[in-house]
């Protein structure tokens, strides 16, 4: 259970509105990563604390901007968590389910996790122009039209940014074993 103390009733009400409106957005963003349900719950509470500390940065009148802000915070927090966790190989091996008893399954799982980790690192290195379009497209599930509307750019510009981002990722990952 999460207990937060707010300075004013307005802050409390704002946080409650944010929580009720974006709770599923946080959960679905966390679902994109290979996390168990307990870890998702812990990270979700951590993210809500971050949101409570940054209430002034959140504009409830702009749904798409707020949703993007929350997705970005969730994604970055989750990636930081996974990075710190990958520094402890003994913890990493505990995540492999007990049902995977064959050595081949374990190796395949490790390879996939390493590839996803490399992909996440390369996406993080991209310019914000490309990274934000990728996040909205593949994490938030926005259509190209919605992304264009969100950034107030042409749909063709969105398509070009997605294309260039994919090219950059392929180029950067090619030297790392063709992820």
Foldseek 3Di string as FASTA:
>chain_A
DADDDDPDVVLVVLLVVCCVVCVVLLLLLVVVDLDDPVVSVVLSSVLSVVCSVPVVVADPVDVVVNSLVSSVSSVVSVLVVVVVQVVPVVSVLVSPDPVPPDPVSSVVVVVVVVVVNLLSVQLVPDDPVLNSLCCCCPRVVDDLVVVCVVVVHDSVVSVVSPVVSVVSSQVVCVVVPRD
